[in-house]
């Protein structure tokens, strides 16, 4: 099973939603994703 395309799509969606939210609140900084606290599901 090829998991990387699925991960890439989910990251793209998450970044899109993050960017939209940053625009709604008027954030002047670039949005970024933090993955330090994520646990791998496929370990």
PDB file of N, CA and C in Angstrom:
ATOM      1  N   UNK A   1       0.853  -1.193   0.000  1.00  0.00           N
ATOM      2  CA  UNK A   1       0.000   0.000   0.000  1.00  0.00           C
ATOM      3  C   UNK A   1       0.889   1.243   0.000  1.00  0.00           C
ATOM      4  N   UNK A   2       0.622   2.121  -0.919  1.00  0.00           N
ATOM      5  CA  UNK A   2       1.401   3.354  -1.030  1.00  0.00           C
ATOM      6  C   UNK A   2       0.744   4.436  -0.173  1.00  0.00           C
ATOM      7  N   UNK A   3       1.379   4.774   0.940  1.00  0.00           N
ATOM      8  CA  UNK A   3       0.786   5.700   1.909  1.00  0.00           C
ATOM      9  C   UNK A   3       1.192   7.160   1.668  1.00  0.00           C
ATOM     10  N   UNK A   4       2.334   7.391   1.022  1.00  0.00           N
ATOM     11  CA  UNK A   4       2.824   8.759   0.859  1.00  0.00           C
ATOM     12  C   UNK A   4       1.867   9.675   0.096  1.00  0.00           C
ATOM     13  N   UNK A   5       1.224   9.244  -0.986  1.00  0.00           N
ATOM     14  CA  UNK A   5       0.270  10.140  -1.646  1.00  0.00           C
ATOM     15  C   UNK A   5      -0.884  10.556  -0.725  1.00  0.00           C
ATOM     16  N   UNK A   6      -1.343   9.652   0.108  1.00  0.00           N
ATOM     17  CA  UNK A   6      -2.418   9.973   1.046  1.00  0.00           C
ATOM     18  C   UNK A   6      -1.954  10.998   2.077  1.00  0.00           C
ATOM     19  N   UNK A   7      -0.748  10.809   2.592  1.00  0.00           N
ATOM     20  CA  UNK A   7      -0.192  11.757   3.564  1.00  0.00           C
ATOM     21  C   UNK A   7      -0.021  13.126   2.916  1.00  0.00           C
ATOM     22  N   UNK A   8       0.502  13.152   1.704  1.00  0.00           N
ATOM     23  CA  UNK A   8       0.707  14.416   0.993  1.00  0.00           C
ATOM     24  C   UNK A   8      -0.616  15.149   0.786  1.00  0.00           C
ATOM     25  N   UNK A   9      -1.668  14.418   0.436  1.00  0.00           N
ATOM     26  CA  UNK A   9      -2.980  15.045   0.224  1.00  0.00           C
ATOM     27  C   UNK A   9      -3.533  15.609   1.529  1.00  0.00           C
ATOM     28  N   UNK A  10      -3.405  14.864   2.616  1.00  0.00           N
ATOM     29  CA  UNK A  10      -3.883  15.351   3.910  1.00  0.00           C
ATOM     30  C   UNK A  10      -3.102  16.583   4.364  1.00  0.00           C
ATOM     31  N   UNK A  11      -1.807  16.603   4.135  1.00  0.00           N
ATOM     32  CA  UNK A  11      -0.989  17.769   4.485  1.00  0.00           C
ATOM     33  C   UNK A  11      -1.390  18.978   3.636  1.00  0.00           C
ATOM     34  N   UNK A  12      -1.684  18.742   2.350  1.00  0.00           N
ATOM     35  CA  UNK A  12      -2.110  19.837   1.479  1.00  0.00           C
ATOM     36  C   UNK A  12      -3.420  20.435   1.978  1.00  0.00           C
ATOM     37  N   UNK A  13      -4.376  19.579   2.328  1.00  0.00           N
ATOM     38  CA  UNK A  13      -5.669  20.041   2.839  1.00  0.00           C
ATOM     39  C   UNK A  13      -5.479  20.805   4.146  1.00  0.00           C
ATOM     40  N   UNK A  14      -4.664  20.265   5.038  1.00  0.00           N
ATOM     41  CA  UNK A  14      -4.414  20.920   6.323  1.00  0.00           C
ATOM     42  C   UNK A  14      -3.779  22.289   6.125  1.00  0.00           C
ATOM     43  N   UNK A  15      -2.805  22.379   5.230  1.00  0.00           N
ATOM     44  CA  UNK A  15      -2.145  23.659   4.980  1.00  0.00           C
ATOM     45  C   UNK A  15      -3.114  24.656   4.355  1.00  0.00           C
ATOM     46  N   UNK A  16      -3.983  24.184   3.473  1.00  0.00           N
ATOM     47  CA  UNK A  16      -4.983  25.061   2.863  1.00  0.00           C
ATOM     48  C   UNK A  16      -5.928  25.622   3.930  1.00  0.00           C
ATOM     49  N   UNK A  17      -6.409  24.761   4.822  1.00  0.00           N
ATOM     50  CA  UNK A  17      -7.292  25.213   5.900  1.00  0.00           C
ATOM     51  C   UNK A  17      -6.568  26.164   6.850  1.00  0.00           C
ATOM     52  N   UNK A  18      -5.305  25.886   7.133  1.00  0.00           N
ATOM     53  CA  UNK A  18      -4.511  26.749   8.005  1.00  0.00           C
ATOM     54  C   UNK A  18      -4.332  28.122   7.376  1.00  0.00           C
ATOM     55  N   UNK A  19      -4.053  28.146   6.083  1.00  0.00           N
ATOM     56  CA  UNK A  19      -3.877  29.408   5.369  1.00  0.00           C
ATOM     57  C   UNK A  19      -5.174  30.211   5.361  1.00  0.00           C
ATOM     58  N   UNK A  20      -6.299  29.540   5.130  1.00  0.00           N
ATOM     59  CA  UNK A  20      -7.594  30.220   5.144  1.00  0.00           C
ATOM     60  C   UNK A  20      -7.891  30.801   6.526  1.00  0.00           C
ATOM     61  N   UNK A  21      -7.610  30.037   7.562  1.00  0.00           N
ATOM     62  CA  UNK A  21      -7.853  30.506   8.932  1.00  0.00           C
ATOM     63  C   UNK A  21      -6.962  31.698   9.258  1.00  0.00           C
ATOM     64  N   UNK A  22      -5.705  31.645   8.848  1.00  0.00           N
ATOM     65  CA  UNK A  22      -4.789  32.760   9.085  1.00  0.00           C
ATOM     66  C   UNK A  22      -5.295  34.022   8.387  1.00  0.00           C
ATOM     67  N   UNK A  23      -5.837  33.869   7.182  1.00  0.00           N
ATOM     68  CA  UNK A  23      -6.383  35.014   6.453  1.00  0.00           C
ATOM     69  C   UNK A  23      -7.614  35.571   7.161  1.00  0.00           C
ATOM     70  N   UNK A  24      -8.452  34.679   7.712  1.00  0.00           N
ATOM     71  CA  UNK A  24      -9.667  35.127   8.405  1.00  0.00           C
ATOM     72  C   UNK A  24      -9.340  35.938   9.657  1.00  0.00           C
ATOM     73  N   UNK A  25      -8.296  35.549  10.381  1.00  0.00           N
ATOM     74  CA  UNK A  25      -7.972  36.263  11.620  1.00  0.00           C
ATOM     75  C   UNK A  25      -6.995  37.407  11.380  1.00  0.00           C
ATOM     76  N   UNK A  26      -6.556  37.560  10.135  1.00  0.00           N
ATOM     77  CA  UNK A  26      -5.681  38.672   9.798  1.00  0.00           C
ATOM     78  C   UNK A  26      -4.250  38.490  10.264  1.00  0.00           C
ATOM     79  N   UNK A  27      -3.791  37.266  10.305  1.00  0.00           N
ATOM     80  CA  UNK A  27      -2.419  36.986  10.735  1.00  0.00           C
ATOM     81  C   UNK A  27      -1.433  37.542   9.716  1.00  0.00           C
ATOM     82  N   UNK A  28      -0.382  38.192  10.211  1.00  0.00           N
ATOM     83  CA  UNK A  28       0.636  38.773   9.332  1.00  0.00           C
ATOM     84  C   UNK A  28       1.811  37.824   9.113  1.00  0.00           C
ATOM     85  N   UNK A  29       1.849  36.712   9.830  1.00  0.00           N
ATOM     86  CA  UNK A  29       2.953  35.765   9.678  1.00  0.00           C
ATOM     87  C   UNK A  29       2.540  34.619   8.764  1.00  0.00           C
ATOM     88  N   UNK A  30       3.521  33.930   8.239  1.00  0.00           N
ATOM     89  CA  UNK A  30       3.248  32.768   7.393  1.00  0.00           C
ATOM     90  C   UNK A  30       2.781  31.610   8.258  1.00  0.00           C
ATOM     91  N   UNK A  31       1.706  30.940   7.870  1.00  0.00           N
ATOM     92  CA  UNK A  31       1.268  29.761   8.637  1.00  0.00           C
ATOM     93  C   UNK A  31       2.244  28.610   8.434  1.00  0.00           C
ATOM     94  N   UNK A  32       2.322  27.750   9.424  1.00  0.00           N
ATOM     95  CA  UNK A  32       3.176  26.570   9.318  1.00  0.00           C
ATOM     96  C   UNK A  32       2.541  25.437  10.102  1.00  0.00           C
ATOM     97  N   UNK A  33       2.933  24.239   9.801  1.00  0.00           N
ATOM     98  CA  UNK A  33       2.405  23.060  10.474  1.00  0.00           C
ATOM     99  C   UNK A  33       3.426  22.566  11.485  1.00  0.00           C
ATOM    100  N   UNK A  34       2.948  22.188  12.666  1.00  0.00           N
ATOM    101  CA  UNK A  34       3.816  21.638  13.701  1.00  0.00           C
ATOM    102  C   UNK A  34       3.473  20.164  13.844  1.00  0.00           C
ATOM    103  N   UNK A  35       4.453  19.313  13.695  1.00  0.00           N
ATOM    104  CA  UNK A  35       4.203  17.878  13.766  1.00  0.00           C
ATOM    105  C   UNK A  35       4.914  17.217  14.934  1.00  0.00           C
ATOM    106  N   UNK A  36       5.544  17.997  15.791  1.00  0.00           N
ATOM    107  CA  UNK A  36       6.303  17.431  16.912  1.00  0.00           C
ATOM    108  C   UNK A  36       5.437  16.598  17.845  1.00  0.00           C
ATOM    109  N   UNK A  37       4.168  16.964  17.993  1.00  0.00           N
ATOM    110  CA  UNK A  37       3.316  16.260  18.945  1.00  0.00           C
ATOM    111  C   UNK A  37       2.421  15.205  18.287  1.00  0.00           C
ATOM    112  N   UNK A  38       2.655  14.907  17.026  1.00  0.00           N
ATOM    113  CA  UNK A  38       1.860  13.896  16.326  1.00  0.00           C
ATOM    114  C   UNK A  38       2.471  12.518  16.530  1.00  0.00           C
ATOM    115  N   UNK A  39       1.617  11.559  16.781  1.00  0.00           N
ATOM    116  CA  UNK A  39       2.081  10.180  16.916  1.00  0.00           C
ATOM    117  C   UNK A  39       1.848   9.464  15.594  1.00  0.00           C
ATOM    118  N   UNK A  40       2.812   8.696  15.132  1.00  0.00           N
ATOM    119  CA  UNK A  40       2.605   7.962  13.878  1.00  0.00           C
ATOM    120  C   UNK A  40       1.538   6.885  14.047  1.00  0.00           C
ATOM    121  N   UNK A  41       0.635   6.808  13.092  1.00  0.00           N
ATOM    122  CA  UNK A  41      -0.432   5.806  13.133  1.00  0.00           C
ATOM    123  C   UNK A  41       0.030   4.469  12.590  1.00  0.00           C
ATOM    124  N   UNK A  42       1.091   4.486  11.806  1.00  0.00           N
ATOM    125  CA  UNK A  42       1.500   3.281  11.095  1.00  0.00           C
ATOM    126  C   UNK A  42       2.800   2.707  11.628  1.00  0.00           C
ATOM    127  N   UNK A  43       3.103   2.979  12.881  1.00  0.00           N
ATOM    128  CA  UNK A  43       4.359   2.477  13.460  1.00  0.00           C
ATOM    129  C   UNK A  43       4.183   1.066  13.966  1.00  0.00           C
TER     130      UNK A  43
END
